[in-house]
Amino acid sequence: MTKKWRMIFYAIPLFLFLQGCNTNNDEVNSPPEEAPVEQEATPKDNEQNQADEQQNGQSDENQDAQKNEPLFAFTSFDLDVEYKDNQSYEVDYENEKNGMEAEIEDQRNNEKVSGDEAFEQLRPIFENFSFDQNTAKDEVISEVLKAFELNADYTKFELDIDFADGTKKEYKG
């Protein structure tokens, strides 16, 4: 065997092994069906949905009434609260068509959880949020700090939320 073929022979299994190791450990394995999923509707999708509704004789209101209420009002929640001495508290949650991801990193207590464990901690917090995309910034920040039991003496507060209706909001404090 020539050197070239020998390198290819060893490179292919190594490449396949490395691809297998590149898994996403913050993926939630069994997300609840009622969790809103980020939708990226194209004009073609909207036309098809309207045609389907006319054919079936159902409107969005009828379909929504038949579905269960979503667990929470957003598909993405990205929180970053920083404190003095380089301490921070971060929450990353996304529920997209290709899967749900959740991660909590608390540098103040040297804790990091991801995947199903993180989602199980976040779920009751998210379910109890009362704000929506129309709530005032200060109210949202206050409710988030209280829900996560975070001190208000932060040096930086950033929260990005993608609501289920497609509205994207950024809260900074």
C-alpha atoms as a PDB file:
ATOM      1  CA  MET A   1       0.000   0.000   0.000  1.00  0.00           C
ATOM      2  CA  THR A   2       1.288   3.439  -0.847  1.00  0.00           C
ATOM      3  CA  LYS A   3       1.593   6.152   1.752  1.00  0.00           C
ATOM      4  CA  LYS A   4      -1.309   8.045   0.181  1.00  0.00           C
ATOM      5  CA  TRP A   5      -3.717   5.107   0.443  1.00  0.00           C
ATOM      6  CA  ARG A   6      -2.513   4.287   3.950  1.00  0.00           C
ATOM      7  CA  MET A   7      -3.288   7.851   5.084  1.00  0.00           C
ATOM      8  CA  ILE A   8      -6.755   7.674   3.528  1.00  0.00           C
ATOM      9  CA  PHE A   9      -7.308   4.262   5.137  1.00  0.00           C
ATOM     10  CA  TYR A  10      -6.602   5.678   8.605  1.00  0.00           C
ATOM     11  CA  ALA A  11      -8.208   9.098   8.050  1.00  0.00           C
ATOM     12  CA  ILE A  12     -11.690   7.835   7.168  1.00  0.00           C
ATOM     13  CA  PRO A  13     -12.345   5.942  10.448  1.00  0.00           C
ATOM     14  CA  LEU A  14     -10.817   8.812  12.420  1.00  0.00           C
ATOM     15  CA  PHE A  15     -13.115  11.287  10.656  1.00  0.00           C
ATOM     16  CA  LEU A  16     -16.180   9.106  11.317  1.00  0.00           C
ATOM     17  CA  PHE A  17     -15.217   8.716  14.972  1.00  0.00           C
ATOM     18  CA  LEU A  18     -14.790  12.469  15.424  1.00  0.00           C
ATOM     19  CA  GLN A  19     -18.172  13.139  13.788  1.00  0.00           C
ATOM     20  CA  GLY A  20     -19.802  10.738  16.261  1.00  0.00           C
ATOM     21  CA  CYS A  21     -18.186  12.588  19.160  1.00  0.00           C
ATOM     22  CA  ASN A  22     -19.574  15.898  17.956  1.00  0.00           C
ATOM     23  CA  THR A  23     -22.930  15.471  19.672  1.00  0.00           C
ATOM     24  CA  ASN A  24     -24.847  18.296  21.301  1.00  0.00           C
ATOM     25  CA  ASN A  25     -25.071  17.595  25.044  1.00  0.00           C
ATOM     26  CA  ASP A  26     -27.577  20.367  25.755  1.00  0.00           C
ATOM     27  CA  GLU A  27     -30.253  18.720  23.609  1.00  0.00           C
ATOM     28  CA  VAL A  28     -33.474  17.810  25.412  1.00  0.00           C
ATOM     29  CA  ASN A  29     -34.315  14.207  24.538  1.00  0.00           C
ATOM     30  CA  SER A  30     -38.022  14.229  25.317  1.00  0.00           C
ATOM     31  CA  PRO A  31     -39.456  17.744  24.950  1.00  0.00           C
ATOM     32  CA  PRO A  32     -43.151  18.133  25.763  1.00  0.00           C
ATOM     33  CA  GLU A  33     -45.443  18.406  22.759  1.00  0.00           C
ATOM     34  CA  GLU A  34     -47.119  21.543  24.171  1.00  0.00           C
ATOM     35  CA  ALA A  35     -43.892  23.584  24.103  1.00  0.00           C
ATOM     36  CA  PRO A  36     -44.098  26.185  21.319  1.00  0.00           C
ATOM     37  CA  VAL A  37     -41.677  25.540  18.471  1.00  0.00           C
ATOM     38  CA  GLU A  38     -40.046  28.275  16.445  1.00  0.00           C
ATOM     39  CA  GLN A  39     -41.716  28.424  13.043  1.00  0.00           C
ATOM     40  CA  GLU A  40     -40.216  29.958   9.954  1.00  0.00           C
ATOM     41  CA  ALA A  41     -43.172  30.287   7.632  1.00  0.00           C
ATOM     42  CA  THR A  42     -42.440  31.170   4.052  1.00  0.00           C
ATOM     43  CA  PRO A  43     -44.971  32.908   1.795  1.00  0.00           C
ATOM     44  CA  LYS A  44     -45.486  29.564   0.050  1.00  0.00           C
ATOM     45  CA  ASP A  45     -46.247  27.900   3.431  1.00  0.00           C
ATOM     46  CA  ASN A  46     -48.762  30.632   4.266  1.00  0.00           C
ATOM     47  CA  GLU A  47     -50.520  30.173   0.903  1.00  0.00           C
ATOM     48  CA  GLN A  48     -50.656  26.420   1.429  1.00  0.00           C
ATOM     49  CA  ASN A  49     -52.059  26.840   4.957  1.00  0.00           C
ATOM     50  CA  GLN A  50     -54.775  29.175   3.666  1.00  0.00           C
ATOM     51  CA  ALA A  51     -55.671  26.727   0.893  1.00  0.00           C
ATOM     52  CA  ASP A  52     -55.816  23.864   3.400  1.00  0.00           C
ATOM     53  CA  GLU A  53     -58.060  25.901   5.719  1.00  0.00           C
ATOM     54  CA  GLN A  54     -60.465  26.719   2.898  1.00  0.00           C
ATOM     55  CA  GLN A  55     -60.562  23.097   1.826  1.00  0.00           C
ATOM     56  CA  ASN A  56     -61.117  21.830   5.359  1.00  0.00           C
ATOM     57  CA  GLY A  57     -63.497  24.656   6.298  1.00  0.00           C
ATOM     58  CA  GLN A  58     -61.476  25.497   9.403  1.00  0.00           C
ATOM     59  CA  SER A  59     -59.918  28.802  10.370  1.00  0.00           C
ATOM     60  CA  ASP A  60     -56.942  29.450  12.599  1.00  0.00           C
ATOM     61  CA  GLU A  61     -59.286  30.260  15.497  1.00  0.00           C
ATOM     62  CA  ASN A  62     -60.958  26.874  15.256  1.00  0.00           C
ATOM     63  CA  GLN A  63     -57.646  25.073  15.048  1.00  0.00           C
ATOM     64  CA  ASP A  64     -56.220  27.042  17.972  1.00  0.00           C
ATOM     65  CA  ALA A  65     -59.271  26.264  20.085  1.00  0.00           C
ATOM     66  CA  GLN A  66     -58.733  22.581  19.407  1.00  0.00           C
ATOM     67  CA  LYS A  67     -55.086  22.651  20.454  1.00  0.00           C
ATOM     68  CA  ASN A  68     -53.852  22.715  24.035  1.00  0.00           C
ATOM     69  CA  GLU A  69     -52.458  25.966  25.372  1.00  0.00           C
ATOM     70  CA  PRO A  70     -48.670  26.108  24.932  1.00  0.00           C
ATOM     71  CA  LEU A  71     -46.507  25.605  27.991  1.00  0.00           C
ATOM     72  CA  PHE A  72     -44.995  29.071  27.744  1.00  0.00           C
ATOM     73  CA  ALA A  73     -45.204  32.060  25.438  1.00  0.00           C
ATOM     74  CA  PHE A  74     -41.761  31.800  23.827  1.00  0.00           C
ATOM     75  CA  THR A  75     -39.594  29.539  21.686  1.00  0.00           C
ATOM     76  CA  SER A  76     -36.235  30.982  22.713  1.00  0.00           C
ATOM     77  CA  PHE A  77     -35.003  32.426  26.027  1.00  0.00           C
ATOM     78  CA  ASP A  78     -31.406  33.625  26.311  1.00  0.00           C
ATOM     79  CA  LEU A  79     -30.466  35.174  29.663  1.00  0.00           C
ATOM     80  CA  ASP A  80     -27.070  36.532  30.686  1.00  0.00           C
ATOM     81  CA  VAL A  81     -26.720  38.234  34.072  1.00  0.00           C
ATOM     82  CA  GLU A  82     -23.243  39.292  35.125  1.00  0.00           C
ATOM     83  CA  TYR A  83     -22.059  40.235  38.609  1.00  0.00           C
ATOM     84  CA  LYS A  84     -18.827  41.664  39.964  1.00  0.00           C
ATOM     85  CA  ASP A  85     -15.780  39.384  40.220  1.00  0.00           C
ATOM     86  CA  ASN A  86     -16.581  37.811  36.831  1.00  0.00           C
ATOM     87  CA  GLN A  87     -19.505  35.825  38.179  1.00  0.00           C
ATOM     88  CA  SER A  88     -22.494  35.200  35.920  1.00  0.00           C
ATOM     89  CA  TYR A  89     -25.769  33.346  35.564  1.00  0.00           C
ATOM     90  CA  GLU A  90     -26.768  32.166  32.088  1.00  0.00           C
ATOM     91  CA  VAL A  91     -29.795  30.390  30.690  1.00  0.00           C
ATOM     92  CA  ASP A  92     -30.004  29.226  27.095  1.00  0.00           C
ATOM     93  CA  TYR A  93     -33.242  27.657  25.888  1.00  0.00           C
ATOM     94  CA  GLU A  94     -34.346  27.071  22.294  1.00  0.00           C
ATOM     95  CA  ASN A  95     -37.120  24.983  20.824  1.00  0.00           C
ATOM     96  CA  GLU A  96     -36.761  24.776  17.067  1.00  0.00           C
ATOM     97  CA  LYS A  97     -38.068  22.365  14.458  1.00  0.00           C
ATOM     98  CA  ASN A  98     -34.880  20.306  14.677  1.00  0.00           C
ATOM     99  CA  GLY A  99     -35.043  19.922  18.466  1.00  0.00           C
ATOM    100  CA  MET A 100     -35.017  21.525  21.888  1.00  0.00           C
ATOM    101  CA  GLU A 101     -31.911  22.636  23.750  1.00  0.00           C
ATOM    102  CA  ALA A 102     -31.566  23.816  27.332  1.00  0.00           C
ATOM    103  CA  GLU A 103     -28.597  24.848  29.458  1.00  0.00           C
ATOM    104  CA  ILE A 104     -28.080  26.644  32.759  1.00  0.00           C
ATOM    105  CA  GLU A 105     -24.668  27.876  33.840  1.00  0.00           C
ATOM    106  CA  ASP A 106     -24.319  29.408  37.295  1.00  0.00           C
ATOM    107  CA  GLN A 107     -20.726  30.548  37.848  1.00  0.00           C
ATOM    108  CA  ARG A 108     -21.638  31.926  41.257  1.00  0.00           C
ATOM    109  CA  ASN A 109     -22.261  28.380  42.531  1.00  0.00           C
ATOM    110  CA  ASN A 110     -20.029  26.504  40.050  1.00  0.00           C
ATOM    111  CA  GLU A 111     -23.001  24.638  38.596  1.00  0.00           C
ATOM    112  CA  LYS A 112     -23.749  23.743  35.001  1.00  0.00           C
ATOM    113  CA  VAL A 113     -26.624  21.571  33.797  1.00  0.00           C
ATOM    114  CA  SER A 114     -27.838  20.873  30.305  1.00  0.00           C
ATOM    115  CA  GLY A 115     -30.310  18.860  28.296  1.00  0.00           C
ATOM    116  CA  ASP A 116     -33.196  17.164  30.086  1.00  0.00           C
ATOM    117  CA  GLU A 117     -31.919  18.095  33.556  1.00  0.00           C
ATOM    118  CA  ALA A 118     -31.767  21.796  32.638  1.00  0.00           C
ATOM    119  CA  PHE A 119     -35.204  21.708  31.021  1.00  0.00           C
ATOM    120  CA  GLU A 120     -36.743  20.114  34.119  1.00  0.00           C
ATOM    121  CA  GLN A 121     -35.358  22.990  36.205  1.00  0.00           C
ATOM    122  CA  LEU A 122     -36.502  25.626  33.696  1.00  0.00           C
ATOM    123  CA  ARG A 123     -39.973  24.266  32.972  1.00  0.00           C
ATOM    124  CA  PRO A 124     -41.690  25.292  36.242  1.00  0.00           C
ATOM    125  CA  ILE A 125     -40.043  28.722  36.090  1.00  0.00           C
ATOM    126  CA  PHE A 126     -41.111  29.291  32.494  1.00  0.00           C
ATOM    127  CA  GLU A 127     -44.649  28.037  33.178  1.00  0.00           C
ATOM    128  CA  ASN A 128     -45.066  30.603  35.966  1.00  0.00           C
ATOM    129  CA  PHE A 129     -43.965  33.615  33.926  1.00  0.00           C
ATOM    130  CA  SER A 130     -46.856  36.034  33.503  1.00  0.00           C
ATOM    131  CA  PHE A 131     -45.249  38.456  31.037  1.00  0.00           C
ATOM    132  CA  ASP A 132     -45.696  38.558  27.279  1.00  0.00           C
ATOM    133  CA  GLN A 133     -44.250  40.582  24.414  1.00  0.00           C
ATOM    134  CA  ASN A 134     -46.285  43.641  25.481  1.00  0.00           C
ATOM    135  CA  THR A 135     -45.100  43.748  29.101  1.00  0.00           C
ATOM    136  CA  ALA A 136     -42.896  46.696  30.127  1.00  0.00           C
ATOM    137  CA  LYS A 137     -39.138  46.090  30.206  1.00  0.00           C
ATOM    138  CA  ASP A 138     -38.754  46.781  33.942  1.00  0.00           C
ATOM    139  CA  GLU A 139     -41.556  44.346  34.801  1.00  0.00           C
ATOM    140  CA  VAL A 140     -39.980  41.584  32.709  1.00  0.00           C
ATOM    141  CA  ILE A 141     -36.542  42.114  34.272  1.00  0.00           C
ATOM    142  CA  SER A 142     -38.014  42.139  37.779  1.00  0.00           C
ATOM    143  CA  GLU A 143     -40.024  38.963  37.181  1.00  0.00           C
ATOM    144  CA  VAL A 144     -37.032  37.125  35.679  1.00  0.00           C
ATOM    145  CA  LEU A 145     -34.733  38.103  38.562  1.00  0.00           C
ATOM    146  CA  LYS A 146     -37.322  36.945  41.095  1.00  0.00           C
ATOM    147  CA  ALA A 147     -38.067  33.675  39.265  1.00  0.00           C
ATOM    148  CA  PHE A 148     -34.395  32.695  39.076  1.00  0.00           C
ATOM    149  CA  GLU A 149     -33.689  34.023  42.598  1.00  0.00           C
ATOM    150  CA  LEU A 150     -31.037  36.431  41.287  1.00  0.00           C
ATOM    151  CA  ASN A 151     -29.791  39.521  43.082  1.00  0.00           C
ATOM    152  CA  ALA A 152     -30.536  42.904  41.565  1.00  0.00           C
ATOM    153  CA  ASP A 153     -26.941  44.099  42.103  1.00  0.00           C
ATOM    154  CA  TYR A 154     -25.870  42.828  38.663  1.00  0.00           C
ATOM    155  CA  THR A 155     -23.393  44.704  36.480  1.00  0.00           C
ATOM    156  CA  LYS A 156     -25.051  43.568  33.245  1.00  0.00           C
ATOM    157  CA  PHE A 157     -28.463  42.136  32.400  1.00  0.00           C
ATOM    158  CA  GLU A 158     -29.288  40.880  28.898  1.00  0.00           C
ATOM    159  CA  LEU A 159     -32.323  38.866  27.935  1.00  0.00           C
ATOM    160  CA  ASP A 160     -33.345  37.930  24.398  1.00  0.00           C
ATOM    161  CA  ILE A 161     -36.724  36.261  23.912  1.00  0.00           C
ATOM    162  CA  ASP A 162     -38.347  34.960  20.746  1.00  0.00           C
ATOM    163  CA  PHE A 163     -42.059  34.781  21.479  1.00  0.00           C
ATOM    164  CA  ALA A 164     -44.243  32.083  19.946  1.00  0.00           C
ATOM    165  CA  ASP A 165     -45.975  34.629  17.683  1.00  0.00           C
ATOM    166  CA  GLY A 166     -42.607  35.508  16.061  1.00  0.00           C
ATOM    167  CA  THR A 167     -41.978  38.708  18.069  1.00  0.00           C
ATOM    168  CA  LYS A 168     -38.340  39.105  19.141  1.00  0.00           C
ATOM    169  CA  LYS A 169     -37.580  41.228  22.213  1.00  0.00           C
ATOM    170  CA  GLU A 170     -34.341  42.307  23.864  1.00  0.00           C
ATOM    171  CA  TYR A 171     -34.235  43.464  27.480  1.00  0.00           C
ATOM    172  CA  LYS A 172     -31.131  45.157  28.871  1.00  0.00           C
ATOM    173  CA  GLY A 173     -30.560  46.523  32.315  1.00  0.00           C
END
